[in-house]
Structure formats: C-alpha cells, structure tokens
Amino acid sequence: MAKRKTNRRVRSTGDGMVFSTQPGWEPTSSEGDVVNELPAHEQTLYVSLDRKQRAGKPVTMVEGFMGSGMELMQLGKALKTQCGAGGAVKEGVILVQGDHREKVIETLEHQGFKIKRKGG
C-alpha cells in the first residue's frame, strides 16, 4: 500500500496570507476589526421582505445584527433551518428565500432579540 502524503502547505496561522513579495512585510493584527458585540436582549433586528433585483421572488431580510461574522453565520443557518428554506448571509444581512417573516420573527423573539418590521 502507498503512504498517504501529508499536506505541508497548511499553516498554523489562519491569516489567509499565502505569499508576499514585499521585503520586510509583517501581517497586521486584526484587533481593529473588533465589532461591538451586544447580548441578544439589547439588539434590535429589522425584518423585511424584499423583491428588488430578484425577478419578483420574495426574500426575507434580517438586518442590524451586531456581533462577529461567525455568530451571524450561525444565526443565518438557524433561521434557514427553522424555515426550511435556502438563503445566504451577505454584507451583514441574513437572506432567507421566500416570505418567512412570521417564522423568522418568532424564532428571533424566542432567542431574545427585539424585532421591528420594515416595510408593509
């Protein structure tokens, strides 16, 4: 049997930098990217329905989350699972395919968030 190759290219630091041609370059710390994280009961999230630039198909949008990107992704996954729909997390906004405003609001209120409806 053949030996399995070990991946020697895996770096212990997770900065994403693969190669730099600039002599003396040092990675900058990401301490300036810290987002003010608030507990759920202090955050107000805005839930709306959007059809613009989507060929008339409705998308439920959740805006206003203050937290890390990983927490936003986890919240988006939980909402999509609860609604049984697809979606995405883009530019700090959670998008859930379809009109699932009631389910999203119910789920977010159960988690302790304050909710405001935007639009009609």
C-alpha atoms as a PDB file:
ATOM      1  CA  MET A   1       0.000   0.000   0.000  1.00  0.00           C
ATOM      2  CA  ALA A   2       1.136   3.519  -0.716  1.00  0.00           C
ATOM      3  CA  LYS A   3       1.756   6.064   2.002  1.00  0.00           C
ATOM      4  CA  ARG A   4      -0.575   8.991   2.301  1.00  0.00           C
ATOM      5  CA  LYS A   5       1.017  12.324   1.599  1.00  0.00           C
ATOM      6  CA  THR A   6       0.929  14.866   4.354  1.00  0.00           C
ATOM      7  CA  ASN A   7      -0.073  18.358   3.424  1.00  0.00           C
ATOM      8  CA  ARG A   8       2.947  20.510   4.188  1.00  0.00           C
ATOM      9  CA  ARG A   9       1.276  23.682   2.966  1.00  0.00           C
ATOM     10  CA  VAL A  10      -1.058  24.004   5.909  1.00  0.00           C
ATOM     11  CA  ARG A  11      -0.031  26.976   8.011  1.00  0.00           C
ATOM     12  CA  SER A  12      -0.568  27.222  11.725  1.00  0.00           C
ATOM     13  CA  THR A  13      -1.681  30.852  11.463  1.00  0.00           C
ATOM     14  CA  GLY A  14      -5.092  31.462   9.963  1.00  0.00           C
ATOM     15  CA  ASP A  15      -4.389  34.883   8.466  1.00  0.00           C
ATOM     16  CA  GLY A  16      -5.107  33.740   4.900  1.00  0.00           C
ATOM     17  CA  MET A  17      -1.840  35.155   3.529  1.00  0.00           C
ATOM     18  CA  VAL A  18      -0.133  32.683   1.249  1.00  0.00           C
ATOM     19  CA  PHE A  19       2.746  34.662  -0.231  1.00  0.00           C
ATOM     20  CA  SER A  20       4.081  38.212  -0.229  1.00  0.00           C
ATOM     21  CA  THR A  21       6.783  39.659  -2.497  1.00  0.00           C
ATOM     22  CA  GLN A  22       7.272  42.773  -0.402  1.00  0.00           C
ATOM     23  CA  PRO A  23      10.517  42.544   1.624  1.00  0.00           C
ATOM     24  CA  GLY A  24      10.074  43.041   5.337  1.00  0.00           C
ATOM     25  CA  TRP A  25       6.291  42.685   5.234  1.00  0.00           C
ATOM     26  CA  GLU A  26       4.659  41.853   8.551  1.00  0.00           C
ATOM     27  CA  PRO A  27       0.990  40.929   8.927  1.00  0.00           C
ATOM     28  CA  THR A  28      -1.114  43.480  10.750  1.00  0.00           C
ATOM     29  CA  SER A  29      -3.126  42.478  13.768  1.00  0.00           C
ATOM     30  CA  SER A  30      -6.879  42.248  13.338  1.00  0.00           C
ATOM     31  CA  GLU A  31      -7.606  43.929  16.668  1.00  0.00           C
ATOM     32  CA  GLY A  32      -9.015  46.960  14.853  1.00  0.00           C
ATOM     33  CA  ASP A  33     -11.736  44.789  13.307  1.00  0.00           C
ATOM     34  CA  VAL A  34     -13.440  44.065  16.622  1.00  0.00           C
ATOM     35  CA  VAL A  35     -17.197  44.511  16.402  1.00  0.00           C
ATOM     36  CA  ASN A  36     -19.119  45.672  19.427  1.00  0.00           C
ATOM     37  CA  GLU A  37     -20.931  42.543  20.498  1.00  0.00           C
ATOM     38  CA  LEU A  38     -24.153  43.091  22.368  1.00  0.00           C
ATOM     39  CA  PRO A  39     -26.263  40.486  24.130  1.00  0.00           C
ATOM     40  CA  ALA A  40     -29.409  39.409  22.294  1.00  0.00           C
ATOM     41  CA  HIS A  41     -31.833  41.293  24.562  1.00  0.00           C
ATOM     42  CA  GLU A  42     -30.082  44.612  23.772  1.00  0.00           C
ATOM     43  CA  GLN A  43     -30.112  44.228  19.973  1.00  0.00           C
ATOM     44  CA  THR A  44     -32.873  45.380  17.661  1.00  0.00           C
ATOM     45  CA  LEU A  45     -33.141  43.455  14.403  1.00  0.00           C
ATOM     46  CA  TYR A  46     -35.124  44.644  11.391  1.00  0.00           C
ATOM     47  CA  VAL A  47     -37.100  42.059   9.413  1.00  0.00           C
ATOM     48  CA  SER A  48     -38.384  42.954   5.955  1.00  0.00           C
ATOM     49  CA  LEU A  49     -39.474  41.420   2.660  1.00  0.00           C
ATOM     50  CA  ASP A  50     -37.542  42.313  -0.473  1.00  0.00           C
ATOM     51  CA  ARG A  51     -38.272  41.640  -4.143  1.00  0.00           C
ATOM     52  CA  LYS A  52     -35.905  44.105  -5.805  1.00  0.00           C
ATOM     53  CA  GLN A  53     -33.454  42.702  -8.368  1.00  0.00           C
ATOM     54  CA  ARG A  54     -34.673  39.155  -7.729  1.00  0.00           C
ATOM     55  CA  ALA A  55     -37.075  38.662 -10.647  1.00  0.00           C
ATOM     56  CA  GLY A  56     -40.084  39.264  -8.361  1.00  0.00           C
ATOM     57  CA  LYS A  57     -39.217  36.413  -5.990  1.00  0.00           C
ATOM     58  CA  PRO A  58     -39.604  37.295  -2.302  1.00  0.00           C
ATOM     59  CA  VAL A  59     -36.668  37.184   0.111  1.00  0.00           C
ATOM     60  CA  THR A  60     -36.927  37.718   3.870  1.00  0.00           C
ATOM     61  CA  MET A  61     -34.156  40.034   5.090  1.00  0.00           C
ATOM     62  CA  VAL A  62     -32.805  40.362   8.646  1.00  0.00           C
ATOM     63  CA  GLU A  63     -30.650  43.444   9.255  1.00  0.00           C
ATOM     64  CA  GLY A  64     -28.999  45.120  12.227  1.00  0.00           C
ATOM     65  CA  PHE A  65     -27.145  42.221  13.868  1.00  0.00           C
ATOM     66  CA  MET A  66     -24.200  43.400  15.978  1.00  0.00           C
ATOM     67  CA  GLY A  67     -21.738  40.580  16.512  1.00  0.00           C
ATOM     68  CA  SER A  68     -18.969  38.579  14.936  1.00  0.00           C
ATOM     69  CA  GLY A  69     -19.226  37.175  11.450  1.00  0.00           C
ATOM     70  CA  MET A  70     -19.278  33.621  12.785  1.00  0.00           C
ATOM     71  CA  GLU A  71     -22.246  34.374  15.052  1.00  0.00           C
ATOM     72  CA  LEU A  72     -24.043  35.965  12.102  1.00  0.00           C
ATOM     73  CA  MET A  73     -23.430  32.842  10.009  1.00  0.00           C
ATOM     74  CA  GLN A  74     -24.731  30.619  12.816  1.00  0.00           C
ATOM     75  CA  LEU A  75     -27.848  32.746  13.241  1.00  0.00           C
ATOM     76  CA  GLY A  76     -28.441  32.670   9.481  1.00  0.00           C
ATOM     77  CA  LYS A  77     -28.102  28.888   9.419  1.00  0.00           C
ATOM     78  CA  ALA A  78     -30.521  28.539  12.333  1.00  0.00           C
ATOM     79  CA  LEU A  79     -33.110  30.749  10.615  1.00  0.00           C
ATOM     80  CA  LYS A  80     -32.801  28.920   7.294  1.00  0.00           C
ATOM     81  CA  THR A  81     -33.150  25.567   9.058  1.00  0.00           C
ATOM     82  CA  GLN A  82     -36.178  26.744  11.028  1.00  0.00           C
ATOM     83  CA  CYS A  83     -37.882  27.986   7.848  1.00  0.00           C
ATOM     84  CA  GLY A  84     -36.863  25.011   5.737  1.00  0.00           C
ATOM     85  CA  ALA A  85     -35.538  27.311   3.040  1.00  0.00           C
ATOM     86  CA  GLY A  86     -32.296  28.321   1.419  1.00  0.00           C
ATOM     87  CA  GLY A  87     -30.613  31.654   1.681  1.00  0.00           C
ATOM     88  CA  ALA A  88     -27.353  33.432   2.320  1.00  0.00           C
ATOM     89  CA  VAL A  89     -25.505  35.798   4.617  1.00  0.00           C
ATOM     90  CA  LYS A  90     -24.144  38.756   2.663  1.00  0.00           C
ATOM     91  CA  GLU A  91     -22.721  42.065   3.859  1.00  0.00           C
ATOM     92  CA  GLY A  92     -24.099  41.699   7.386  1.00  0.00           C
ATOM     93  CA  VAL A  93     -27.609  40.832   6.174  1.00  0.00           C
ATOM     94  CA  ILE A  94     -29.300  37.449   6.501  1.00  0.00           C
ATOM     95  CA  LEU A  95     -31.330  36.496   3.422  1.00  0.00           C
ATOM     96  CA  VAL A  96     -33.907  33.676   3.632  1.00  0.00           C
ATOM     97  CA  GLN A  97     -35.546  32.633   0.378  1.00  0.00           C
ATOM     98  CA  GLY A  98     -39.313  33.091   0.424  1.00  0.00           C
ATOM     99  CA  ASP A  99     -41.760  35.008   2.603  1.00  0.00           C
ATOM    100  CA  HIS A 100     -40.965  33.619   6.065  1.00  0.00           C
ATOM    101  CA  ARG A 101     -41.345  36.803   8.104  1.00  0.00           C
ATOM    102  CA  GLU A 102     -43.592  35.254  10.771  1.00  0.00           C
ATOM    103  CA  LYS A 103     -41.340  32.241  11.379  1.00  0.00           C
ATOM    104  CA  VAL A 104     -38.220  34.418  11.441  1.00  0.00           C
ATOM    105  CA  ILE A 105     -39.752  36.896  13.885  1.00  0.00           C
ATOM    106  CA  GLU A 106     -40.980  34.091  16.146  1.00  0.00           C
ATOM    107  CA  THR A 107     -37.545  32.410  16.147  1.00  0.00           C
ATOM    108  CA  LEU A 108     -35.655  35.636  16.826  1.00  0.00           C
ATOM    109  CA  GLU A 109     -38.013  36.680  19.648  1.00  0.00           C
ATOM    110  CA  HIS A 110     -37.579  33.234  21.208  1.00  0.00           C
ATOM    111  CA  GLN A 111     -33.799  33.849  21.192  1.00  0.00           C
ATOM    112  CA  GLY A 112     -34.305  37.182  22.992  1.00  0.00           C
ATOM    113  CA  PHE A 113     -33.880  39.734  20.194  1.00  0.00           C
ATOM    114  CA  LYS A 114     -36.045  42.843  19.863  1.00  0.00           C
ATOM    115  CA  ILE A 115     -37.733  42.845  16.460  1.00  0.00           C
ATOM    116  CA  LYS A 116     -39.013  45.650  14.267  1.00  0.00           C
ATOM    117  CA  ARG A 117     -40.754  45.133  10.949  1.00  0.00           C
ATOM    118  CA  LYS A 118     -39.644  47.198   7.994  1.00  0.00           C
ATOM    119  CA  GLY A 119     -41.868  47.866   5.018  1.00  0.00           C
ATOM    120  CA  GLY A 120     -45.545  46.957   4.652  1.00  0.00           C
END
